[in-house]
Amino acid sequence: MEKVFVDSDIVLDLLTARAPHHIAAAELFSLAERGKVKVCVSSLTFANVHYILSRQMHAEKARNILATFKTLVNVLAVNDLVVERALSSEFKDFEDALQYHTALEHNLNILLTRNLKDYKKAQIQVFTAQQYLKVCQ
């Protein structure tokens, strides 16, 4: 089974039904639910997504949504080495650097995001969810 690292923006597309991106996000996570792909996210993703969800709804509801979402993903640690590499990287966006180096630290070769421009110098494959779905099917 192929493993992919998914950035926070795609998770938010799914959980907040952001049009039109939620369609590809839902299809991706449907593949994960059926065991066709293993979706990995960083622990940082849960903090980012909870923050945004709790600004849109009651914090308890946001936690319940994340608890359900957790069943679809494998959560990867953001460790000391990841932080060091992110701090010394050329990424302009620090959060993207943390996500990217988390994927590298856990030997993942595919990163899915809607923010392709910040990953131009990536040493792994970077796709949008929609691009990945076209390639993997």
N, C-alpha and C. Protein backbone atom coordinates (compact mmCIF):
# COMPACT_ATOMS: atom_id res chain seq x y z
N MET A 1 0.84 -1.18 0.00
CA MET A 1 0.00 0.00 0.00
C MET A 1 0.89 1.24 0.00
N GLU A 2 0.56 2.17 -0.86
CA GLU A 2 1.33 3.41 -0.96
C GLU A 2 1.05 4.32 0.23
N LYS A 3 2.11 4.96 0.71
CA LYS A 3 1.98 5.93 1.80
C LYS A 3 2.16 7.33 1.24
N VAL A 4 1.31 8.24 1.69
CA VAL A 4 1.42 9.64 1.29
C VAL A 4 1.34 10.53 2.52
N PHE A 5 2.07 11.62 2.48
CA PHE A 5 2.00 12.63 3.53
C PHE A 5 1.05 13.72 3.05
N VAL A 6 0.10 14.09 3.89
CA VAL A 6 -0.91 15.07 3.51
C VAL A 6 -0.76 16.31 4.38
N ASP A 7 -0.66 17.45 3.72
CA ASP A 7 -0.52 18.75 4.38
C ASP A 7 -1.86 19.19 4.97
N SER A 8 -1.78 20.11 5.91
CA SER A 8 -2.97 20.60 6.63
C SER A 8 -4.04 21.18 5.71
N ASP A 9 -3.64 21.81 4.62
CA ASP A 9 -4.63 22.45 3.76
C ASP A 9 -5.61 21.44 3.15
N ILE A 10 -5.13 20.26 2.82
CA ILE A 10 -6.01 19.24 2.26
C ILE A 10 -6.93 18.67 3.34
N VAL A 11 -6.42 18.53 4.54
CA VAL A 11 -7.26 18.10 5.66
C VAL A 11 -8.38 19.11 5.88
N LEU A 12 -8.03 20.37 5.86
CA LEU A 12 -9.04 21.42 6.02
C LEU A 12 -10.05 21.43 4.87
N ASP A 13 -9.59 21.13 3.66
CA ASP A 13 -10.52 21.02 2.53
C ASP A 13 -11.59 19.98 2.84
N LEU A 14 -11.16 18.86 3.38
CA LEU A 14 -12.10 17.78 3.71
C LEU A 14 -13.02 18.19 4.85
N LEU A 15 -12.44 18.61 5.96
CA LEU A 15 -13.22 18.81 7.18
C LEU A 15 -14.09 20.06 7.17
N THR A 16 -13.76 21.03 6.33
CA THR A 16 -14.58 22.24 6.24
C THR A 16 -15.35 22.31 4.92
N ALA A 17 -15.23 21.27 4.12
CA ALA A 17 -15.92 21.19 2.81
C ALA A 17 -15.65 22.42 1.95
N ARG A 18 -14.36 22.81 1.89
CA ARG A 18 -13.98 23.97 1.08
C ARG A 18 -14.10 23.65 -0.41
N ALA A 19 -15.03 24.33 -1.05
CA ALA A 19 -15.25 24.11 -2.48
C ALA A 19 -14.18 24.83 -3.29
N PRO A 20 -13.77 24.29 -4.39
CA PRO A 20 -14.13 22.99 -4.94
C PRO A 20 -13.18 21.87 -4.50
N HIS A 21 -12.24 22.19 -3.64
CA HIS A 21 -11.15 21.27 -3.29
C HIS A 21 -11.60 20.08 -2.44
N HIS A 22 -12.74 20.21 -1.78
CA HIS A 22 -13.18 19.12 -0.89
C HIS A 22 -13.50 17.84 -1.65
N ILE A 23 -13.81 17.94 -2.93
CA ILE A 23 -14.14 16.75 -3.71
C ILE A 23 -12.93 15.83 -3.82
N ALA A 24 -11.79 16.38 -4.21
CA ALA A 24 -10.56 15.57 -4.31
C ALA A 24 -10.12 15.09 -2.94
N ALA A 25 -10.25 15.94 -1.92
CA ALA A 25 -9.88 15.54 -0.56
C ALA A 25 -10.75 14.38 -0.09
N ALA A 26 -12.04 14.44 -0.35
CA ALA A 26 -12.95 13.37 0.06
C ALA A 26 -12.61 12.07 -0.66
N GLU A 27 -12.27 12.17 -1.93
CA GLU A 27 -11.90 10.98 -2.69
C GLU A 27 -10.61 10.36 -2.15
N LEU A 28 -9.64 11.21 -1.82
CA LEU A 28 -8.38 10.73 -1.25
C LEU A 28 -8.62 9.99 0.07
N PHE A 29 -9.39 10.61 0.96
CA PHE A 29 -9.62 9.98 2.26
C PHE A 29 -10.55 8.78 2.16
N SER A 30 -11.35 8.72 1.12
CA SER A 30 -12.15 7.52 0.86
C SER A 30 -11.23 6.36 0.49
N LEU A 31 -10.19 6.63 -0.29
CA LEU A 31 -9.19 5.60 -0.60
C LEU A 31 -8.52 5.11 0.67
N ALA A 32 -8.22 6.03 1.58
CA ALA A 32 -7.60 5.65 2.85
C ALA A 32 -8.54 4.77 3.67
N GLU A 33 -9.80 5.14 3.70
CA GLU A 33 -10.79 4.39 4.46
C GLU A 33 -10.93 2.96 3.92
N ARG A 34 -10.78 2.81 2.60
CA ARG A 34 -10.89 1.49 1.97
C ARG A 34 -9.57 0.72 1.98
N GLY A 35 -8.52 1.31 2.57
CA GLY A 35 -7.24 0.64 2.66
C GLY A 35 -6.43 0.63 1.38
N LYS A 36 -6.72 1.54 0.47
CA LYS A 36 -6.01 1.62 -0.81
C LYS A 36 -4.75 2.48 -0.72
N VAL A 37 -4.71 3.39 0.24
CA VAL A 37 -3.57 4.27 0.44
C VAL A 37 -3.46 4.54 1.94
N LYS A 38 -2.25 4.70 2.41
CA LYS A 38 -2.04 5.03 3.82
C LYS A 38 -1.72 6.52 3.89
N VAL A 39 -2.59 7.27 4.55
CA VAL A 39 -2.42 8.71 4.67
C VAL A 39 -1.73 9.03 5.99
N CYS A 40 -0.65 9.80 5.90
CA CYS A 40 0.10 10.22 7.07
C CYS A 40 0.02 11.74 7.20
N VAL A 41 -0.10 12.20 8.42
CA VAL A 41 -0.08 13.63 8.71
C VAL A 41 0.85 13.84 9.90
N SER A 42 1.29 15.06 10.09
CA SER A 42 2.12 15.35 11.26
C SER A 42 1.23 15.67 12.45
N SER A 43 1.80 15.56 13.62
CA SER A 43 1.07 15.96 14.82
C SER A 43 0.72 17.45 14.75
N LEU A 44 1.54 18.22 14.08
CA LEU A 44 1.28 19.64 13.88
C LEU A 44 -0.04 19.88 13.14
N THR A 45 -0.38 18.98 12.24
CA THR A 45 -1.63 19.10 11.49
C THR A 45 -2.83 19.15 12.43
N PHE A 46 -2.82 18.32 13.47
CA PHE A 46 -3.94 18.32 14.40
C PHE A 46 -4.05 19.65 15.14
N ALA A 47 -2.93 20.23 15.51
CA ALA A 47 -2.96 21.54 16.18
C ALA A 47 -3.47 22.62 15.22
N ASN A 48 -2.94 22.63 14.00
CA ASN A 48 -3.36 23.63 13.01
C ASN A 48 -4.86 23.53 12.71
N VAL A 49 -5.31 22.32 12.46
CA VAL A 49 -6.70 22.12 12.08
C VAL A 49 -7.64 22.40 13.25
N HIS A 50 -7.25 21.97 14.45
CA HIS A 50 -8.10 22.26 15.62
C HIS A 50 -8.24 23.77 15.82
N TYR A 51 -7.16 24.48 15.67
CA TYR A 51 -7.21 25.94 15.83
C TYR A 51 -8.22 26.55 14.86
N ILE A 52 -8.15 26.17 13.61
CA ILE A 52 -9.04 26.74 12.60
C ILE A 52 -10.49 26.29 12.82
N LEU A 53 -10.69 25.02 13.09
CA LEU A 53 -12.05 24.52 13.33
C LEU A 53 -12.69 25.18 14.55
N SER A 54 -11.90 25.34 15.60
CA SER A 54 -12.47 25.90 16.83
C SER A 54 -12.82 27.38 16.70
N ARG A 55 -12.33 28.01 15.66
CA ARG A 55 -12.72 29.40 15.38
C ARG A 55 -14.04 29.44 14.61
N GLN A 56 -14.41 28.30 14.04
CA GLN A 56 -15.64 28.20 13.26
C GLN A 56 -16.78 27.51 14.01
N MET A 57 -16.43 26.80 15.07
CA MET A 57 -17.42 26.03 15.82
C MET A 57 -16.95 25.86 17.26
N HIS A 58 -17.77 25.28 18.08
CA HIS A 58 -17.41 25.01 19.47
C HIS A 58 -16.20 24.08 19.51
N ALA A 59 -15.27 24.32 20.42
CA ALA A 59 -14.03 23.54 20.51
C ALA A 59 -14.31 22.05 20.71
N GLU A 60 -15.36 21.71 21.45
CA GLU A 60 -15.68 20.29 21.67
C GLU A 60 -16.09 19.61 20.36
N LYS A 61 -16.86 20.32 19.55
CA LYS A 61 -17.25 19.77 18.24
C LYS A 61 -16.01 19.58 17.36
N ALA A 62 -15.09 20.54 17.41
CA ALA A 62 -13.85 20.43 16.64
C ALA A 62 -13.06 19.18 17.07
N ARG A 63 -13.00 18.95 18.37
CA ARG A 63 -12.29 17.75 18.86
C ARG A 63 -12.97 16.47 18.41
N ASN A 64 -14.29 16.46 18.43
CA ASN A 64 -15.02 15.27 17.98
C ASN A 64 -14.77 14.99 16.50
N ILE A 65 -14.74 16.05 15.71
CA ILE A 65 -14.44 15.89 14.28
C ILE A 65 -13.04 15.33 14.10
N LEU A 66 -12.09 15.86 14.85
CA LEU A 66 -10.70 15.37 14.74
C LEU A 66 -10.56 13.94 15.25
N ALA A 67 -11.32 13.57 16.26
CA ALA A 67 -11.28 12.19 16.77
C ALA A 67 -11.74 11.21 15.70
N THR A 68 -12.77 11.59 14.97
CA THR A 68 -13.25 10.75 13.87
C THR A 68 -12.22 10.73 12.75
N PHE A 69 -11.69 11.88 12.41
CA PHE A 69 -10.68 11.99 11.36
C PHE A 69 -9.44 11.15 11.68
N LYS A 70 -9.07 11.12 12.94
CA LYS A 70 -7.86 10.39 13.38
C LYS A 70 -7.90 8.93 12.95
N THR A 71 -9.09 8.35 12.83
CA THR A 71 -9.20 6.94 12.44
C THR A 71 -8.75 6.70 11.00
N LEU A 72 -8.62 7.76 10.21
CA LEU A 72 -8.25 7.63 8.80
C LEU A 72 -6.76 7.80 8.53
N VAL A 73 -6.02 8.29 9.52
CA VAL A 73 -4.64 8.69 9.27
C VAL A 73 -3.66 8.08 10.27
N ASN A 74 -2.41 8.12 9.89
CA ASN A 74 -1.30 7.77 10.76
C ASN A 74 -0.63 9.08 11.14
N VAL A 75 -0.51 9.35 12.44
CA VAL A 75 0.05 10.62 12.90
C VAL A 75 1.56 10.45 13.14
N LEU A 76 2.33 11.33 12.51
CA LEU A 76 3.79 11.29 12.61
C LEU A 76 4.28 12.41 13.53
N ALA A 77 5.29 12.09 14.31
CA ALA A 77 5.84 13.05 15.26
C ALA A 77 6.67 14.12 14.57
N VAL A 78 6.58 15.31 15.10
CA VAL A 78 7.47 16.41 14.72
C VAL A 78 8.53 16.43 15.83
N ASN A 79 9.70 15.89 15.52
CA ASN A 79 10.73 15.74 16.56
C ASN A 79 11.80 16.84 16.46
N ASP A 80 12.78 16.74 17.32
CA ASP A 80 13.85 17.74 17.41
C ASP A 80 14.59 17.89 16.08
N LEU A 81 14.90 16.77 15.43
CA LEU A 81 15.62 16.82 14.16
C LEU A 81 14.78 17.51 13.08
N VAL A 82 13.50 17.23 13.05
CA VAL A 82 12.60 17.88 12.09
C VAL A 82 12.62 19.39 12.29
N VAL A 83 12.52 19.82 13.54
CA VAL A 83 12.53 21.26 13.84
C VAL A 83 13.85 21.89 13.43
N GLU A 84 14.97 21.23 13.74
CA GLU A 84 16.28 21.76 13.36
C GLU A 84 16.39 21.91 11.85
N ARG A 85 15.98 20.87 11.12
CA ARG A 85 16.06 20.92 9.65
C ARG A 85 15.14 22.01 9.09
N ALA A 86 13.97 22.14 9.66
CA ALA A 86 13.03 23.17 9.19
C ALA A 86 13.59 24.56 9.44
N LEU A 87 14.19 24.76 10.61
CA LEU A 87 14.77 26.07 10.93
C LEU A 87 15.90 26.46 9.99
N SER A 88 16.65 25.47 9.54
CA SER A 88 17.80 25.77 8.67
C SER A 88 17.48 25.60 7.19
N SER A 89 16.23 25.33 6.86
CA SER A 89 15.85 25.12 5.47
C SER A 89 15.66 26.45 4.74
N GLU A 90 15.49 26.35 3.44
CA GLU A 90 15.26 27.53 2.61
C GLU A 90 13.78 27.85 2.46
N PHE A 91 12.92 27.10 3.12
CA PHE A 91 11.48 27.36 3.04
C PHE A 91 11.16 28.73 3.60
N LYS A 92 10.34 29.48 2.90
CA LYS A 92 9.89 30.78 3.40
C LYS A 92 8.81 30.59 4.47
N ASP A 93 7.98 29.58 4.28
CA ASP A 93 6.90 29.29 5.22
C ASP A 93 7.37 28.21 6.20
N PHE A 94 7.52 28.56 7.46
CA PHE A 94 8.06 27.64 8.46
C PHE A 94 7.16 26.42 8.65
N GLU A 95 5.85 26.62 8.63
CA GLU A 95 4.94 25.48 8.80
C GLU A 95 5.12 24.48 7.67
N ASP A 96 5.28 24.96 6.43
CA ASP A 96 5.54 24.07 5.30
C ASP A 96 6.87 23.33 5.49
N ALA A 97 7.86 24.01 6.01
CA ALA A 97 9.16 23.38 6.27
C ALA A 97 9.01 22.25 7.28
N LEU A 98 8.24 22.48 8.34
CA LEU A 98 8.00 21.43 9.33
C LEU A 98 7.28 20.24 8.71
N GLN A 99 6.28 20.51 7.89
CA GLN A 99 5.54 19.42 7.26
C GLN A 99 6.46 18.62 6.33
N TYR A 100 7.20 19.32 5.50
CA TYR A 100 8.10 18.67 4.54
C TYR A 100 9.15 17.82 5.25
N HIS A 101 9.77 18.37 6.27
CA HIS A 101 10.82 17.62 6.96
C HIS A 101 10.26 16.48 7.81
N THR A 102 9.01 16.58 8.21
CA THR A 102 8.36 15.45 8.87
C THR A 102 8.20 14.31 7.86
N ALA A 103 7.76 14.63 6.66
CA ALA A 103 7.63 13.61 5.61
C ALA A 103 8.98 12.95 5.32
N LEU A 104 10.02 13.76 5.18
CA LEU A 104 11.36 13.22 4.92
C LEU A 104 11.84 12.33 6.07
N GLU A 105 11.66 12.80 7.29
CA GLU A 105 12.11 12.05 8.47
C GLU A 105 11.48 10.66 8.54
N HIS A 106 10.27 10.55 8.03
CA HIS A 106 9.55 9.28 8.09
C HIS A 106 9.57 8.54 6.76
N ASN A 107 10.54 8.91 5.90
CA ASN A 107 10.81 8.21 4.64
C ASN A 107 9.61 8.15 3.69
N LEU A 108 8.84 9.21 3.65
CA LEU A 108 7.72 9.27 2.72
C LEU A 108 8.18 9.96 1.44
N ASN A 109 7.76 9.44 0.31
CA ASN A 109 8.22 9.94 -0.98
C ASN A 109 7.20 10.80 -1.71
N ILE A 110 6.00 10.92 -1.14
CA ILE A 110 4.95 11.70 -1.78
C ILE A 110 4.33 12.63 -0.74
N LEU A 111 4.22 13.90 -1.09
CA LEU A 111 3.59 14.90 -0.23
C LEU A 111 2.46 15.54 -1.02
N LEU A 112 1.28 15.61 -0.40
CA LEU A 112 0.12 16.21 -1.05
C LEU A 112 -0.22 17.52 -0.37
N THR A 113 -0.40 18.55 -1.17
CA THR A 113 -0.68 19.90 -0.68
C THR A 113 -1.40 20.67 -1.78
N ARG A 114 -2.01 21.79 -1.41
CA ARG A 114 -2.51 22.70 -2.44
C ARG A 114 -1.52 23.83 -2.67
N ASN A 115 -0.47 23.86 -1.90
CA ASN A 115 0.50 24.94 -1.92
C ASN A 115 1.78 24.49 -2.63
N LEU A 116 1.68 24.16 -3.89
CA LEU A 116 2.82 23.61 -4.63
C LEU A 116 4.01 24.56 -4.71
N LYS A 117 3.74 25.86 -4.79
CA LYS A 117 4.83 26.83 -5.00
C LYS A 117 5.85 26.81 -3.87
N ASP A 118 5.44 26.49 -2.65
CA ASP A 118 6.39 26.47 -1.54
C ASP A 118 7.24 25.21 -1.50
N TYR A 119 6.95 24.26 -2.36
CA TYR A 119 7.68 23.00 -2.36
C TYR A 119 8.48 22.80 -3.65
N LYS A 120 8.84 23.88 -4.33
CA LYS A 120 9.54 23.79 -5.61
C LYS A 120 10.87 23.05 -5.52
N LYS A 121 11.56 23.16 -4.40
CA LYS A 121 12.87 22.53 -4.26
C LYS A 121 12.79 21.20 -3.52
N ALA A 122 11.61 20.64 -3.44
CA ALA A 122 11.42 19.38 -2.71
C ALA A 122 12.20 18.25 -3.37
N GLN A 123 12.69 17.36 -2.54
CA GLN A 123 13.42 16.18 -3.00
C GLN A 123 12.51 14.97 -3.11
N ILE A 124 11.24 15.18 -2.88
CA ILE A 124 10.24 14.12 -3.03
C ILE A 124 9.15 14.63 -3.97
N GLN A 125 8.28 13.73 -4.40
CA GLN A 125 7.19 14.12 -5.29
C GLN A 125 6.16 14.93 -4.52
N VAL A 126 5.71 16.02 -5.11
CA VAL A 126 4.70 16.88 -4.49
C VAL A 126 3.57 17.07 -5.49
N PHE A 127 2.36 16.76 -5.04
CA PHE A 127 1.17 16.86 -5.88
C PHE A 127 0.05 17.55 -5.11
N THR A 128 -0.93 18.06 -5.85
CA THR A 128 -2.20 18.39 -5.23
C THR A 128 -2.95 17.07 -5.07
N ALA A 129 -4.01 17.06 -4.29
CA ALA A 129 -4.81 15.84 -4.14
C ALA A 129 -5.37 15.42 -5.50
N GLN A 130 -5.83 16.40 -6.26
CA GLN A 130 -6.41 16.12 -7.57
C GLN A 130 -5.37 15.51 -8.50
N GLN A 131 -4.16 16.05 -8.52
CA GLN A 131 -3.10 15.49 -9.37
C GLN A 131 -2.76 14.07 -8.95
N TYR A 132 -2.66 13.86 -7.64
CA TYR A 132 -2.32 12.52 -7.14
C TYR A 132 -3.39 11.51 -7.53
N LEU A 133 -4.64 11.87 -7.42
CA LEU A 133 -5.72 10.96 -7.77
C LEU A 133 -5.67 10.57 -9.25
N LYS A 134 -5.27 11.49 -10.11
CA LYS A 134 -5.13 11.17 -11.55
C LYS A 134 -3.97 10.20 -11.78
N VAL A 135 -2.87 10.39 -11.03
CA VAL A 135 -1.68 9.56 -11.19
C VAL A 135 -1.89 8.16 -10.61
N CYS A 136 -2.54 8.08 -9.47
CA CYS A 136 -2.64 6.79 -8.77
C CYS A 136 -3.74 5.91 -9.31
N GLN A 137 -4.66 6.44 -10.07
CA GLN A 137 -5.78 5.61 -10.56
C GLN A 137 -5.56 5.11 -11.95
